[in-house]
Amino acid sequence: MHLLFHCPSNKNIWSTWNAFPMVCNLFNQNHVASNIIFQILQVLPSEDAALFCCIILSIWKQRNNKIWSEVTDVQGFVFYRAKTLLENWKTFEGHTWRYG
């Protein structure tokens, strides 16, 4: 809970997301991260839901970089990485792959 939704530095990351005002109240309505995540996914349009998931992944990567590599990601980069991840996924998803 703290890492994803209550950590002050990560709240700054969330606040840069255009859908944040729509879901910020949900961050404080429940004490179980998975419940918050599923509630948010139910109310967001699909594009915002996808970015929401990418932001979570990017925050987790930020945490791992700090713990395992002693690298501190700049908050702006965490959000940028999430948007880039989503754009790369949409580009990849548009390709038709053929085997054989």
PDB file of N, CA and C in Angstrom:
ATOM      1  N   MET A   1       0.818  -1.188   0.000  1.00  0.00           N
ATOM      2  CA  MET A   1       0.000   0.000   0.000  1.00  0.00           C
ATOM      3  C   MET A   1       0.864   1.255   0.000  1.00  0.00           C
ATOM      4  N   HIS A   2       1.821   1.271   0.925  1.00  0.00           N
ATOM      5  CA  HIS A   2       2.637   2.479   1.023  1.00  0.00           C
ATOM      6  C   HIS A   2       3.384   2.724  -0.282  1.00  0.00           C
ATOM      7  N   LEU A   3       4.067   1.708  -0.775  1.00  0.00           N
ATOM      8  CA  LEU A   3       4.874   1.877  -1.983  1.00  0.00           C
ATOM      9  C   LEU A   3       4.053   2.387  -3.156  1.00  0.00           C
ATOM     10  N   LEU A   4       2.937   1.771  -3.421  1.00  0.00           N
ATOM     11  CA  LEU A   4       2.173   2.118  -4.620  1.00  0.00           C
ATOM     12  C   LEU A   4       1.318   3.364  -4.467  1.00  0.00           C
ATOM     13  N   PHE A   5       0.705   3.573  -3.304  1.00  0.00           N
ATOM     14  CA  PHE A   5      -0.319   4.600  -3.219  1.00  0.00           C
ATOM     15  C   PHE A   5      -0.106   5.691  -2.170  1.00  0.00           C
ATOM     16  N   HIS A   6       0.711   5.441  -1.158  1.00  0.00           N
ATOM     17  CA  HIS A   6       0.826   6.421  -0.083  1.00  0.00           C
ATOM     18  C   HIS A   6       2.197   7.067   0.055  1.00  0.00           C
ATOM     19  N   CYS A   7       3.208   6.523  -0.557  1.00  0.00           N
ATOM     20  CA  CYS A   7       4.550   7.103  -0.501  1.00  0.00           C
ATOM     21  C   CYS A   7       4.508   8.507  -1.108  1.00  0.00           C
ATOM     22  N   PRO A   8       4.981   9.525  -0.376  1.00  0.00           N
ATOM     23  CA  PRO A   8       4.905  10.900  -0.893  1.00  0.00           C
ATOM     24  C   PRO A   8       5.547  11.093  -2.266  1.00  0.00           C
ATOM     25  N   SER A   9       6.690  10.476  -2.505  1.00  0.00           N
ATOM     26  CA  SER A   9       7.317  10.665  -3.818  1.00  0.00           C
ATOM     27  C   SER A   9       6.500   9.999  -4.926  1.00  0.00           C
ATOM     28  N   ASN A  10       5.869   8.872  -4.619  1.00  0.00           N
ATOM     29  CA  ASN A  10       5.045   8.221  -5.637  1.00  0.00           C
ATOM     30  C   ASN A  10       3.714   8.931  -5.825  1.00  0.00           C
ATOM     31  N   LYS A  11       3.226   9.610  -4.801  1.00  0.00           N
ATOM     32  CA  LYS A  11       2.031  10.436  -4.978  1.00  0.00           C
ATOM     33  C   LYS A  11       2.317  11.539  -6.001  1.00  0.00           C
ATOM     34  N   ASN A  12       3.541  12.044  -6.010  1.00  0.00           N
ATOM     35  CA  ASN A  12       3.918  13.040  -7.024  1.00  0.00           C
ATOM     36  C   ASN A  12       3.877  12.444  -8.420  1.00  0.00           C
ATOM     37  N   ILE A  13       4.303  11.191  -8.545  1.00  0.00           N
ATOM     38  CA  ILE A  13       4.250  10.512  -9.843  1.00  0.00           C
ATOM     39  C   ILE A  13       2.795  10.374 -10.281  1.00  0.00           C
ATOM     40  N   TRP A  14       1.935   9.900  -9.385  1.00  0.00           N
ATOM     41  CA  TRP A  14       0.515   9.735  -9.717  1.00  0.00           C
ATOM     42  C   TRP A  14      -0.118  11.057 -10.100  1.00  0.00           C
ATOM     43  N   SER A  15       0.277  12.129  -9.433  1.00  0.00           N
ATOM     44  CA  SER A  15      -0.373  13.423  -9.678  1.00  0.00           C
ATOM     45  C   SER A  15      -0.094  13.965 -11.081  1.00  0.00           C
ATOM     46  N   THR A  16       0.914  13.451 -11.773  1.00  0.00           N
ATOM     47  CA  THR A  16       1.194  13.899 -13.144  1.00  0.00           C
ATOM     48  C   THR A  16       0.293  13.213 -14.169  1.00  0.00           C
ATOM     49  N   TRP A  17      -0.424  12.193 -13.751  1.00  0.00           N
ATOM     50  CA  TRP A  17      -1.295  11.411 -14.633  1.00  0.00           C
ATOM     51  C   TRP A  17      -2.631  12.131 -14.776  1.00  0.00           C
ATOM     52  N   ASN A  18      -3.098  12.320 -15.991  1.00  0.00           N
ATOM     53  CA  ASN A  18      -4.321  13.099 -16.217  1.00  0.00           C
ATOM     54  C   ASN A  18      -5.572  12.455 -15.614  1.00  0.00           C
ATOM     55  N   ALA A  19      -5.585  11.158 -15.379  1.00  0.00           N
ATOM     56  CA  ALA A  19      -6.746  10.489 -14.792  1.00  0.00           C
ATOM     57  C   ALA A  19      -6.684  10.464 -13.260  1.00  0.00           C
ATOM     58  N   PHE A  20      -5.626  10.985 -12.693  1.00  0.00           N
ATOM     59  CA  PHE A  20      -5.467  10.928 -11.239  1.00  0.00           C
ATOM     60  C   PHE A  20      -6.632  11.558 -10.470  1.00  0.00           C
ATOM     61  N   PRO A  21      -7.119  12.734 -10.877  1.00  0.00           N
ATOM     62  CA  PRO A  21      -8.230  13.314 -10.110  1.00  0.00           C
ATOM     63  C   PRO A  21      -9.455  12.399 -10.025  1.00  0.00           C
ATOM     64  N   MET A  22      -9.653  11.578 -11.045  1.00  0.00           N
ATOM     65  CA  MET A  22     -10.812  10.683 -11.077  1.00  0.00           C
ATOM     66  C   MET A  22     -10.665   9.525 -10.081  1.00  0.00           C
ATOM     67  N   VAL A  23      -9.428   9.111  -9.783  1.00  0.00           N
ATOM     68  CA  VAL A  23      -9.230   7.915  -8.959  1.00  0.00           C
ATOM     69  C   VAL A  23      -8.556   8.182  -7.614  1.00  0.00           C
ATOM     70  N   CYS A  24      -8.127   9.413  -7.353  1.00  0.00           N
ATOM     71  CA  CYS A  24      -7.343   9.673  -6.143  1.00  0.00           C
ATOM     72  C   CYS A  24      -8.103   9.315  -4.866  1.00  0.00           C
ATOM     73  N   ASN A  25      -9.409   9.484  -4.849  1.00  0.00           N
ATOM     74  CA  ASN A  25     -10.177   9.118  -3.656  1.00  0.00           C
ATOM     75  C   ASN A  25     -10.122   7.621  -3.372  1.00  0.00           C
ATOM     76  N   LEU A  26     -10.004   6.814  -4.410  1.00  0.00           N
ATOM     77  CA  LEU A  26      -9.949   5.366  -4.227  1.00  0.00           C
ATOM     78  C   LEU A  26      -8.663   4.932  -3.534  1.00  0.00           C
ATOM     79  N   PHE A  27      -7.613   5.738  -3.642  1.00  0.00           N
ATOM     80  CA  PHE A  27      -6.344   5.405  -2.990  1.00  0.00           C
ATOM     81  C   PHE A  27      -6.507   5.316  -1.475  1.00  0.00           C
ATOM     82  N   ASN A  28      -7.457   6.042  -0.925  1.00  0.00           N
ATOM     83  CA  ASN A  28      -7.627   6.103   0.524  1.00  0.00           C
ATOM     84  C   ASN A  28      -8.861   5.363   1.033  1.00  0.00           C
ATOM     85  N   GLN A  29      -9.647   4.773   0.155  1.00  0.00           N
ATOM     86  CA  GLN A  29     -10.886   4.127   0.577  1.00  0.00           C
ATOM     87  C   GLN A  29     -10.716   2.683   1.003  1.00  0.00           C
ATOM     88  N   ASN A  30      -9.596   2.098   0.734  1.00  0.00           N
ATOM     89  CA  ASN A  30      -9.396   0.695   1.050  1.00  0.00           C
ATOM     90  C   ASN A  30      -7.972   0.518   1.552  1.00  0.00           C
ATOM     91  N   HIS A  31      -7.740  -0.534   2.324  1.00  0.00           N
ATOM     92  CA  HIS A  31      -6.402  -0.766   2.875  1.00  0.00           C
ATOM     93  C   HIS A  31      -5.719  -1.976   2.240  1.00  0.00           C
ATOM     94  N   VAL A  32      -6.281  -2.469   1.168  1.00  0.00           N
ATOM     95  CA  VAL A  32      -5.711  -3.613   0.469  1.00  0.00           C
ATOM     96  C   VAL A  32      -5.401  -3.175  -0.965  1.00  0.00           C
ATOM     97  N   ALA A  33      -4.129  -3.239  -1.341  1.00  0.00           N
ATOM     98  CA  ALA A  33      -3.694  -2.733  -2.649  1.00  0.00           C
ATOM     99  C   ALA A  33      -4.449  -3.398  -3.793  1.00  0.00           C
ATOM    100  N   SER A  34      -4.629  -4.715  -3.727  1.00  0.00           N
ATOM    101  CA  SER A  34      -5.306  -5.401  -4.834  1.00  0.00           C
ATOM    102  C   SER A  34      -6.750  -4.905  -4.981  1.00  0.00           C
ATOM    103  N   ASN A  35      -7.422  -4.606  -3.886  1.00  0.00           N
ATOM    104  CA  ASN A  35      -8.788  -4.083  -3.977  1.00  0.00           C
ATOM    105  C   ASN A  35      -8.805  -2.721  -4.658  1.00  0.00           C
ATOM    106  N   ILE A  36      -7.856  -1.877  -4.300  1.00  0.00           N
ATOM    107  CA  ILE A  36      -7.760  -0.554  -4.929  1.00  0.00           C
ATOM    108  C   ILE A  36      -7.514  -0.702  -6.421  1.00  0.00           C
ATOM    109  N   ILE A  37      -6.587  -1.563  -6.774  1.00  0.00           N
ATOM    110  CA  ILE A  37      -6.245  -1.761  -8.183  1.00  0.00           C
ATOM    111  C   ILE A  37      -7.477  -2.213  -8.964  1.00  0.00           C
ATOM    112  N   PHE A  38      -8.201  -3.208  -8.456  1.00  0.00           N
ATOM    113  CA  PHE A  38      -9.372  -3.711  -9.182  1.00  0.00           C
ATOM    114  C   PHE A  38     -10.497  -2.685  -9.233  1.00  0.00           C
ATOM    115  N   GLN A  39     -10.677  -1.902  -8.176  1.00  0.00           N
ATOM    116  CA  GLN A  39     -11.686  -0.845  -8.207  1.00  0.00           C
ATOM    117  C   GLN A  39     -11.351   0.186  -9.278  1.00  0.00           C
ATOM    118  N   ILE A  40     -10.096   0.574  -9.340  1.00  0.00           N
ATOM    119  CA  ILE A  40      -9.676   1.582 -10.320  1.00  0.00           C
ATOM    120  C   ILE A  40      -9.831   1.043 -11.738  1.00  0.00           C
ATOM    121  N   LEU A  41      -9.464  -0.199 -11.954  1.00  0.00           N
ATOM    122  CA  LEU A  41      -9.587  -0.782 -13.292  1.00  0.00           C
ATOM    123  C   LEU A  41     -11.041  -0.853 -13.747  1.00  0.00           C
ATOM    124  N   GLN A  42     -11.967  -0.932 -12.818  1.00  0.00           N
ATOM    125  CA  GLN A  42     -13.384  -0.991 -13.173  1.00  0.00           C
ATOM    126  C   GLN A  42     -13.947   0.356 -13.602  1.00  0.00           C
ATOM    127  N   VAL A  43     -13.348   1.451 -13.133  1.00  0.00           N
ATOM    128  CA  VAL A  43     -13.916   2.767 -13.443  1.00  0.00           C
ATOM    129  C   VAL A  43     -13.197   3.500 -14.573  1.00  0.00           C
ATOM    130  N   LEU A  44     -12.023   3.030 -14.952  1.00  0.00           N
ATOM    131  CA  LEU A  44     -11.252   3.734 -15.976  1.00  0.00           C
ATOM    132  C   LEU A  44     -11.567   3.242 -17.381  1.00  0.00           C
ATOM    133  N   PRO A  45     -11.510   4.150 -18.359  1.00  0.00           N
ATOM    134  CA  PRO A  45     -11.541   3.703 -19.757  1.00  0.00           C
ATOM    135  C   PRO A  45     -10.290   2.848 -20.031  1.00  0.00           C
ATOM    136  N   SER A  46     -10.355   2.016 -21.040  1.00  0.00           N
ATOM    137  CA  SER A  46      -9.287   1.030 -21.280  1.00  0.00           C
ATOM    138  C   SER A  46      -7.905   1.666 -21.453  1.00  0.00           C
ATOM    139  N   GLU A  47      -7.808   2.790 -22.129  1.00  0.00           N
ATOM    140  CA  GLU A  47      -6.499   3.432 -22.330  1.00  0.00           C
ATOM    141  C   GLU A  47      -5.914   3.902 -20.991  1.00  0.00           C
ATOM    142  N   ASP A  48      -6.740   4.502 -20.160  1.00  0.00           N
ATOM    143  CA  ASP A  48      -6.271   4.940 -18.838  1.00  0.00           C
ATOM    144  C   ASP A  48      -5.951   3.748 -17.946  1.00  0.00           C
ATOM    145  N   ALA A  49      -6.736   2.685 -18.048  1.00  0.00           N
ATOM    146  CA  ALA A  49      -6.474   1.482 -17.260  1.00  0.00           C
ATOM    147  C   ALA A  49      -5.127   0.871 -17.635  1.00  0.00           C
ATOM    148  N   ALA A  50      -4.822   0.878 -18.919  1.00  0.00           N
ATOM    149  CA  ALA A  50      -3.531   0.347 -19.371  1.00  0.00           C
ATOM    150  C   ALA A  50      -2.386   1.189 -18.831  1.00  0.00           C
ATOM    151  N   LEU A  51      -2.527   2.509 -18.884  1.00  0.00           N
ATOM    152  CA  LEU A  51      -1.470   3.378 -18.351  1.00  0.00           C
ATOM    153  C   LEU A  51      -1.354   3.212 -16.839  1.00  0.00           C
ATOM    154  N   PHE A  52      -2.462   3.053 -16.151  1.00  0.00           N
ATOM    155  CA  PHE A  52      -2.451   2.807 -14.708  1.00  0.00           C
ATOM    156  C   PHE A  52      -1.578   1.589 -14.385  1.00  0.00           C
ATOM    157  N   CYS A  53      -1.769   0.511 -15.123  1.00  0.00           N
ATOM    158  CA  CYS A  53      -0.971  -0.702 -14.911  1.00  0.00           C
ATOM    159  C   CYS A  53       0.511  -0.454 -15.200  1.00  0.00           C
ATOM    160  N   CYS A  54       0.790   0.304 -16.226  1.00  0.00           N
ATOM    161  CA  CYS A  54       2.179   0.619 -16.568  1.00  0.00           C
ATOM    162  C   CYS A  54       2.830   1.504 -15.506  1.00  0.00           C
ATOM    163  N   ILE A  55       2.072   2.403 -14.907  1.00  0.00           N
ATOM    164  CA  ILE A  55       2.615   3.234 -13.830  1.00  0.00           C
ATOM    165  C   ILE A  55       2.965   2.363 -12.630  1.00  0.00           C
ATOM    166  N   ILE A  56       2.087   1.434 -12.293  1.00  0.00           N
ATOM    167  CA  ILE A  56       2.385   0.509 -11.188  1.00  0.00           C
ATOM    168  C   ILE A  56       3.672  -0.255 -11.477  1.00  0.00           C
ATOM    169  N   LEU A  57       3.794  -0.760 -12.693  1.00  0.00           N
ATOM    170  CA  LEU A  57       4.998  -1.501 -13.072  1.00  0.00           C
ATOM    171  C   LEU A  57       6.239  -0.613 -12.987  1.00  0.00           C
ATOM    172  N   SER A  58       6.130   0.612 -13.424  1.00  0.00           N
ATOM    173  CA  SER A  58       7.269   1.518 -13.402  1.00  0.00           C
ATOM    174  C   SER A  58       7.663   1.893 -11.965  1.00  0.00           C
ATOM    175  N   ILE A  59       6.681   2.066 -11.095  1.00  0.00           N
ATOM    176  CA  ILE A  59       6.982   2.328  -9.683  1.00  0.00           C
ATOM    177  C   ILE A  59       7.695   1.125  -9.072  1.00  0.00           C
ATOM    178  N   TRP A  60       7.232  -0.066  -9.408  1.00  0.00           N
ATOM    179  CA  TRP A  60       7.880  -1.281  -8.900  1.00  0.00           C
ATOM    180  C   TRP A  60       9.322  -1.374  -9.406  1.00  0.00           C
ATOM    181  N   LYS A  61       9.522  -1.027 -10.680  1.00  0.00           N
ATOM    182  CA  LYS A  61      10.884  -1.032 -11.239  1.00  0.00           C
ATOM    183  C   LYS A  61      11.755  -0.006 -10.523  1.00  0.00           C
ATOM    184  N   GLN A  62      11.191   1.159 -10.219  1.00  0.00           N
ATOM    185  CA  GLN A  62      11.923   2.182  -9.471  1.00  0.00           C
ATOM    186  C   GLN A  62      12.383   1.616  -8.127  1.00  0.00           C
ATOM    187  N   ARG A  63      11.495   0.919  -7.456  1.00  0.00           N
ATOM    188  CA  ARG A  63      11.825   0.313  -6.175  1.00  0.00           C
ATOM    189  C   ARG A  63      12.954  -0.698  -6.322  1.00  0.00           C
ATOM    190  N   ASN A  64      12.852  -1.569  -7.316  1.00  0.00           N
ATOM    191  CA  ASN A  64      13.887  -2.578  -7.532  1.00  0.00           C
ATOM    192  C   ASN A  64      15.222  -1.950  -7.906  1.00  0.00           C
ATOM    193  N   ASN A  65      15.202  -0.899  -8.719  1.00  0.00           N
ATOM    194  CA  ASN A  65      16.452  -0.213  -9.070  1.00  0.00           C
ATOM    195  C   ASN A  65      17.137   0.325  -7.821  1.00  0.00           C
ATOM    196  N   LYS A  66      16.353   0.876  -6.915  1.00  0.00           N
ATOM    197  CA  LYS A  66      16.901   1.442  -5.679  1.00  0.00           C
ATOM    198  C   LYS A  66      17.471   0.349  -4.783  1.00  0.00           C
ATOM    199  N   ILE A  67      16.708  -0.734  -4.610  1.00  0.00           N
ATOM    200  CA  ILE A  67      17.130  -1.800  -3.693  1.00  0.00           C
ATOM    201  C   ILE A  67      18.286  -2.621  -4.253  1.00  0.00           C
ATOM    202  N   TRP A  68      18.191  -3.032  -5.498  1.00  0.00           N
ATOM    203  CA  TRP A  68      19.148  -3.992  -6.036  1.00  0.00           C
ATOM    204  C   TRP A  68      20.328  -3.350  -6.749  1.00  0.00           C
ATOM    205  N   SER A  69      20.152  -2.126  -7.267  1.00  0.00           N
ATOM    206  CA  SER A  69      21.239  -1.503  -8.022  1.00  0.00           C
ATOM    207  C   SER A  69      21.698  -0.184  -7.425  1.00  0.00           C
ATOM    208  N   GLU A  70      21.065   0.241  -6.335  1.00  0.00           N
ATOM    209  CA  GLU A  70      21.374   1.514  -5.696  1.00  0.00           C
ATOM    210  C   GLU A  70      21.287   2.684  -6.676  1.00  0.00           C
ATOM    211  N   VAL A  71      20.290   2.599  -7.560  1.00  0.00           N
ATOM    212  CA  VAL A  71      20.023   3.644  -8.548  1.00  0.00           C
ATOM    213  C   VAL A  71      18.689   4.285  -8.184  1.00  0.00           C
ATOM    214  N   THR A  72      18.682   5.600  -8.117  1.00  0.00           N
ATOM    215  CA  THR A  72      17.448   6.316  -7.809  1.00  0.00           C
ATOM    216  C   THR A  72      16.905   6.933  -9.085  1.00  0.00           C
ATOM    217  N   ASP A  73      15.747   6.447  -9.514  1.00  0.00           N
ATOM    218  CA  ASP A  73      15.105   6.992 -10.711  1.00  0.00           C
ATOM    219  C   ASP A  73      14.441   8.324 -10.366  1.00  0.00           C
ATOM    220  N   VAL A  74      14.594   9.298 -11.228  1.00  0.00           N
ATOM    221  CA  VAL A  74      13.925  10.586 -11.069  1.00  0.00           C
ATOM    222  C   VAL A  74      12.429  10.371 -11.269  1.00  0.00           C
ATOM    223  N   GLN A  75      11.605  11.055 -10.470  1.00  0.00           N
ATOM    224  CA  GLN A  75      10.161  10.851 -10.525  1.00  0.00           C
ATOM    225  C   GLN A  75       9.591  11.059 -11.926  1.00  0.00           C
ATOM    226  N   GLY A  76      10.055  12.081 -12.615  1.00  0.00           N
ATOM    227  CA  GLY A  76       9.578  12.326 -13.971  1.00  0.00           C
ATOM    228  C   GLY A  76       9.893  11.180 -14.908  1.00  0.00           C
ATOM    229  N   PHE A  77      11.024  10.533 -14.681  1.00  0.00           N
ATOM    230  CA  PHE A  77      11.403   9.403 -15.512  1.00  0.00           C
ATOM    231  C   PHE A  77      10.489   8.203 -15.261  1.00  0.00           C
ATOM    232  N   VAL A  78      10.050   8.023 -14.022  1.00  0.00           N
ATOM    233  CA  VAL A  78       9.168   6.898 -13.692  1.00  0.00           C
ATOM    234  C   VAL A  78       7.879   6.992 -14.504  1.00  0.00           C
ATOM    235  N   PHE A  79       7.301   8.183 -14.568  1.00  0.00           N
ATOM    236  CA  PHE A  79       6.081   8.370 -15.357  1.00  0.00           C
ATOM    237  C   PHE A  79       6.375   8.232 -16.855  1.00  0.00           C
ATOM    238  N   TYR A  80       7.470   8.815 -17.310  1.00  0.00           N
ATOM    239  CA  TYR A  80       7.864   8.706 -18.726  1.00  0.00           C
ATOM    240  C   TYR A  80       8.058   7.239 -19.119  1.00  0.00           C
ATOM    241  N   ARG A  81       8.714   6.458 -18.247  1.00  0.00           N
ATOM    242  CA  ARG A  81       8.944   5.044 -18.542  1.00  0.00           C
ATOM    243  C   ARG A  81       7.609   4.316 -18.683  1.00  0.00           C
ATOM    244  N   ALA A  82       6.632   4.651 -17.847  1.00  0.00           N
ATOM    245  CA  ALA A  82       5.313   4.025 -17.931  1.00  0.00           C
ATOM    246  C   ALA A  82       4.648   4.340 -19.264  1.00  0.00           C
ATOM    247  N   LYS A  83       4.687   5.612 -19.672  1.00  0.00           N
ATOM    248  CA  LYS A  83       4.077   5.998 -20.952  1.00  0.00           C
ATOM    249  C   LYS A  83       4.798   5.325 -22.117  1.00  0.00           C
ATOM    250  N   THR A  84       6.114   5.246 -22.044  1.00  0.00           N
ATOM    251  CA  THR A  84       6.894   4.605 -23.102  1.00  0.00           C
ATOM    252  C   THR A  84       6.579   3.116 -23.179  1.00  0.00           C
ATOM    253  N   LEU A  85       6.472   2.480 -22.036  1.00  0.00           N
ATOM    254  CA  LEU A  85       6.121   1.058 -22.002  1.00  0.00           C
ATOM    255  C   LEU A  85       4.784   0.814 -22.691  1.00  0.00           C
ATOM    256  N   LEU A  86       3.806   1.664 -22.393  1.00  0.00           N
ATOM    257  CA  LEU A  86       2.485   1.510 -23.022  1.00  0.00           C
ATOM    258  C   LEU A  86       2.563   1.749 -24.526  1.00  0.00           C
ATOM    259  N   GLU A  87       3.268   2.781 -24.948  1.00  0.00           N
ATOM    260  CA  GLU A  87       3.407   3.056 -26.386  1.00  0.00           C
ATOM    261  C   GLU A  87       4.108   1.906 -27.097  1.00  0.00           C
ATOM    262  N   ASN A  88       5.151   1.361 -26.477  1.00  0.00           N
ATOM    263  CA  ASN A  88       5.853   0.220 -27.080  1.00  0.00           C
ATOM    264  C   ASN A  88       4.944  -0.995 -27.182  1.00  0.00           C
ATOM    265  N   TRP A  89       4.133  -1.212 -26.154  1.00  0.00           N
ATOM    266  CA  TRP A  89       3.204  -2.339 -26.182  1.00  0.00           C
ATOM    267  C   TRP A  89       2.176  -2.166 -27.294  1.00  0.00           C
ATOM    268  N   LYS A  90       1.651  -0.955 -27.452  1.00  0.00           N
ATOM    269  CA  LYS A  90       0.659  -0.711 -28.510  1.00  0.00           C
ATOM    270  C   LYS A  90       1.290  -0.909 -29.885  1.00  0.00           C
ATOM    271  N   THR A  91       2.535  -0.509 -30.041  1.00  0.00           N
ATOM    272  CA  THR A  91       3.237  -0.712 -31.310  1.00  0.00           C
ATOM    273  C   THR A  91       3.434  -2.203 -31.567  1.00  0.00           C
ATOM    274  N   PHE A  92       3.863  -2.932 -30.547  1.00  0.00           N
ATOM    275  CA  PHE A  92       4.075  -4.369 -30.668  1.00  0.00           C
ATOM    276  C   PHE A  92       2.766  -5.096 -30.953  1.00  0.00           C
ATOM    277  N   GLU A  93       1.708  -4.693 -30.259  1.00  0.00           N
ATOM    278  CA  GLU A  93       0.412  -5.335 -30.409  1.00  0.00           C
ATOM    279  C   GLU A  93      -0.134  -5.197 -31.830  1.00  0.00           C
ATOM    280  N   GLY A  94       0.240  -4.114 -32.517  1.00  0.00           N
ATOM    281  CA  GLY A  94      -0.247  -3.888 -33.866  1.00  0.00           C
ATOM    282  C   GLY A  94       0.407  -4.751 -34.932  1.00  0.00           C
ATOM    283  N   HIS A  95       1.480  -5.444 -34.592  1.00  0.00           N
ATOM    284  CA  HIS A  95       2.156  -6.295 -35.561  1.00  0.00           C
ATOM    285  C   HIS A  95       1.501  -7.670 -35.650  1.00  0.00           C
ATOM    286  N   THR A  96       1.507  -8.203 -36.826  1.00  0.00           N
ATOM    287  CA  THR A  96       1.027  -9.561 -37.035  1.00  0.00           C
ATOM    288  C   THR A  96       2.252 -10.459 -37.138  1.00  0.00           C
ATOM    289  N   TRP A  97       2.360 -11.410 -36.258  1.00  0.00           N
ATOM    290  CA  TRP A  97       3.515 -12.291 -36.241  1.00  0.00           C
ATOM    291  C   TRP A  97       3.151 -13.618 -36.901  1.00  0.00           C
ATOM    292  N   ARG A  98       4.053 -14.087 -37.724  1.00  0.00           N
ATOM    293  CA  ARG A  98       3.840 -15.362 -38.398  1.00  0.00           C
ATOM    294  C   ARG A  98       4.963 -16.308 -38.028  1.00  0.00           C
ATOM    295  N   TYR A  99       4.575 -17.526 -37.773  1.00  0.00           N
ATOM    296  CA  TYR A  99       5.568 -18.531 -37.383  1.00  0.00           C
ATOM    297  C   TYR A  99       5.694 -19.529 -38.518  1.00  0.00           C
ATOM    298  N   GLY A 100       6.929 -20.058 -38.603  1.00  0.00           N
ATOM    299  CA  GLY A 100       7.135 -21.153 -39.527  1.00  0.00           C
ATOM    300  C   GLY A 100       7.677 -20.807 -40.814  1.00  0.00           C
TER     301      GLY A 100
END
